[in-house]
C-alpha atoms as a PDB file:
ATOM      1  CA  UNK A   1       3.706   1.412  -9.337  1.00  0.00           C
ATOM      2  CA  UNK A   2       2.408  -1.940  -9.114  1.00  0.00           C
ATOM      3  CA  UNK A   3       4.969  -3.205  -6.943  1.00  0.00           C
ATOM      4  CA  UNK A   4       4.242  -0.619  -4.361  1.00  0.00           C
ATOM      5  CA  UNK A   5       0.678  -1.598  -4.107  1.00  0.00           C
ATOM      6  CA  UNK A   6      -0.648   1.085  -6.362  1.00  0.00           C
ATOM      7  CA  UNK A   7      -3.928   0.659  -8.248  1.00  0.00           C
ATOM      8  CA  UNK A   8      -3.201   1.218 -11.867  1.00  0.00           C
ATOM      9  CA  UNK A   9      -5.516   2.776 -14.272  1.00  0.00           C
ATOM     10  CA  UNK A  10      -3.993   2.190 -17.389  1.00  0.00           C
ATOM     11  CA  UNK A  11      -4.976   2.180 -21.437  1.00  0.00           C
ATOM     12  CA  UNK A  12      -4.588  -0.956 -23.475  1.00  0.00           C
ATOM     13  CA  UNK A  13      -1.315  -2.002 -24.550  1.00  0.00           C
ATOM     14  CA  UNK A  14       0.101  -5.494 -26.006  1.00  0.00           C
ATOM     15  CA  UNK A  15       0.412  -7.979 -23.168  1.00  0.00           C
ATOM     16  CA  UNK A  16      -0.638  -6.035 -20.462  1.00  0.00           C
ATOM     17  CA  UNK A  17      -3.735  -8.751 -20.002  1.00  0.00           C
ATOM     18  CA  UNK A  18      -1.268 -11.695 -19.705  1.00  0.00           C
ATOM     19  CA  UNK A  19       0.705  -9.594 -17.343  1.00  0.00           C
ATOM     20  CA  UNK A  20      -2.111  -8.183 -14.818  1.00  0.00           C
ATOM     21  CA  UNK A  21      -6.022  -9.683 -14.770  1.00  0.00           C
ATOM     22  CA  UNK A  22      -8.313  -6.755 -15.610  1.00  0.00           C
ATOM     23  CA  UNK A  23     -10.232  -5.336 -12.744  1.00  0.00           C
ATOM     24  CA  UNK A  24      -8.642  -7.551 -10.284  1.00  0.00           C
ATOM     25  CA  UNK A  25      -5.013  -6.761 -10.689  1.00  0.00           C
ATOM     26  CA  UNK A  26      -5.334  -3.340 -12.954  1.00  0.00           C
ATOM     27  CA  UNK A  27      -8.283  -1.200 -14.297  1.00  0.00           C
ATOM     28  CA  UNK A  28      -8.121  -0.749 -18.399  1.00  0.00           C
ATOM     29  CA  UNK A  29      -9.707   2.188 -19.751  1.00  0.00           C
ATOM     30  CA  UNK A  30     -10.632   2.997 -23.494  1.00  0.00           C
ATOM     31  CA  UNK A  31     -11.268   6.538 -23.333  1.00  0.00           C
ATOM     32  CA  UNK A  32     -11.118   9.738 -21.280  1.00  0.00           C
ATOM     33  CA  UNK A  33     -14.710   9.836 -19.878  1.00  0.00           C
ATOM     34  CA  UNK A  34     -14.176   6.013 -18.681  1.00  0.00           C
ATOM     35  CA  UNK A  35     -11.180   7.086 -17.247  1.00  0.00           C
ATOM     36  CA  UNK A  36     -13.128   9.877 -15.373  1.00  0.00           C
ATOM     37  CA  UNK A  37     -15.750   7.231 -14.131  1.00  0.00           C
ATOM     38  CA  UNK A  38     -13.430   4.779 -13.071  1.00  0.00           C
ATOM     39  CA  UNK A  39     -11.072   7.218 -10.940  1.00  0.00           C
ATOM     40  CA  UNK A  40     -14.360   9.005  -9.222  1.00  0.00           C
ATOM     41  CA  UNK A  41     -15.420   5.342  -8.428  1.00  0.00           C
ATOM     42  CA  UNK A  42     -11.941   4.125  -7.086  1.00  0.00           C
ATOM     43  CA  UNK A  43     -11.807   7.412  -5.302  1.00  0.00           C
ATOM     44  CA  UNK A  44     -14.970   6.619  -3.429  1.00  0.00           C
ATOM     45  CA  UNK A  45     -14.409   2.913  -2.850  1.00  0.00           C
ATOM     46  CA  UNK A  46     -11.169   2.733  -0.988  1.00  0.00           C
ATOM     47  CA  UNK A  47     -11.344  -0.996  -0.273  1.00  0.00           C
ATOM     48  CA  UNK A  48     -11.817  -1.996  -3.776  1.00  0.00           C
ATOM     49  CA  UNK A  49      -9.127   0.523  -4.638  1.00  0.00           C
ATOM     50  CA  UNK A  50      -6.689  -1.113  -2.190  1.00  0.00           C
ATOM     51  CA  UNK A  51      -7.432  -4.604  -3.120  1.00  0.00           C
ATOM     52  CA  UNK A  52      -6.646  -4.137  -6.584  1.00  0.00           C
ATOM     53  CA  UNK A  53      -3.377  -2.738  -5.549  1.00  0.00           C
ATOM     54  CA  UNK A  54      -2.426  -5.408  -3.105  1.00  0.00           C
ATOM     55  CA  UNK A  55      -3.410  -8.185  -5.880  1.00  0.00           C
ATOM     56  CA  UNK A  56      -1.267  -6.355  -8.320  1.00  0.00           C
ATOM     57  CA  UNK A  57       1.785  -6.203  -6.042  1.00  0.00           C
ATOM     58  CA  UNK A  58       1.070  -9.999  -5.136  1.00  0.00           C
ATOM     59  CA  UNK A  59       1.425 -10.580  -9.128  1.00  0.00           C
ATOM     60  CA  UNK A  60       4.304  -8.401  -9.252  1.00  0.00           C
ATOM     61  CA  UNK A  61       6.271 -10.096  -6.508  1.00  0.00           C
ATOM     62  CA  UNK A  62       5.338 -13.675  -7.594  1.00  0.00           C
ATOM     63  CA  UNK A  63       6.103 -13.361 -11.349  1.00  0.00           C
ATOM     64  CA  UNK A  64       7.499 -10.020 -12.395  1.00  0.00           C
ATOM     65  CA  UNK A  65      10.473  -9.263 -10.066  1.00  0.00           C
ATOM     66  CA  UNK A  66      14.235  -8.818 -11.838  1.00  0.00           C
ATOM     67  CA  UNK A  67      14.695 -12.254 -10.984  1.00  0.00           C
ATOM     68  CA  UNK A  68      12.350 -13.480 -12.955  1.00  0.00           C
ATOM     69  CA  UNK A  69      13.599 -11.560 -16.164  1.00  0.00           C
ATOM     70  CA  UNK A  70      17.101 -12.705 -15.382  1.00  0.00           C
ATOM     71  CA  UNK A  71      15.716 -16.468 -15.356  1.00  0.00           C
ATOM     72  CA  UNK A  72      13.815 -15.723 -18.924  1.00  0.00           C
ATOM     73  CA  UNK A  73      16.897 -14.185 -20.046  1.00  0.00           C
ATOM     74  CA  UNK A  74      18.927 -17.285 -19.070  1.00  0.00           C
ATOM     75  CA  UNK A  75      16.563 -19.432 -20.998  1.00  0.00           C
ATOM     76  CA  UNK A  76      16.560 -17.553 -24.018  1.00  0.00           C
ATOM     77  CA  UNK A  77      20.566 -17.444 -23.984  1.00  0.00           C
ATOM     78  CA  UNK A  78      20.863 -21.076 -23.138  1.00  0.00           C
ATOM     79  CA  UNK A  79      18.604 -21.839 -25.969  1.00  0.00           C
ATOM     80  CA  UNK A  80      21.000 -20.537 -28.655  1.00  0.00           C
ATOM     81  CA  UNK A  81      23.808 -22.007 -27.274  1.00  0.00           C
END
């Protein structure tokens, strides 16, 4: 979804803050109430929502494509050869 420029609202999970910058490239929520508040805010602020989605897309294309994962995999395999 991030690759499509969608603004992602997500629960916290390991690694998320390493992959995307909170409040700039992803919205991290910790409760249902917070999710409702953030969704309502984002629905009223199109420019902010679109900017977060665009920043996430830029990060995906810069750091998280299949080519990046393939390079990582090759690097790992080479370290064992």
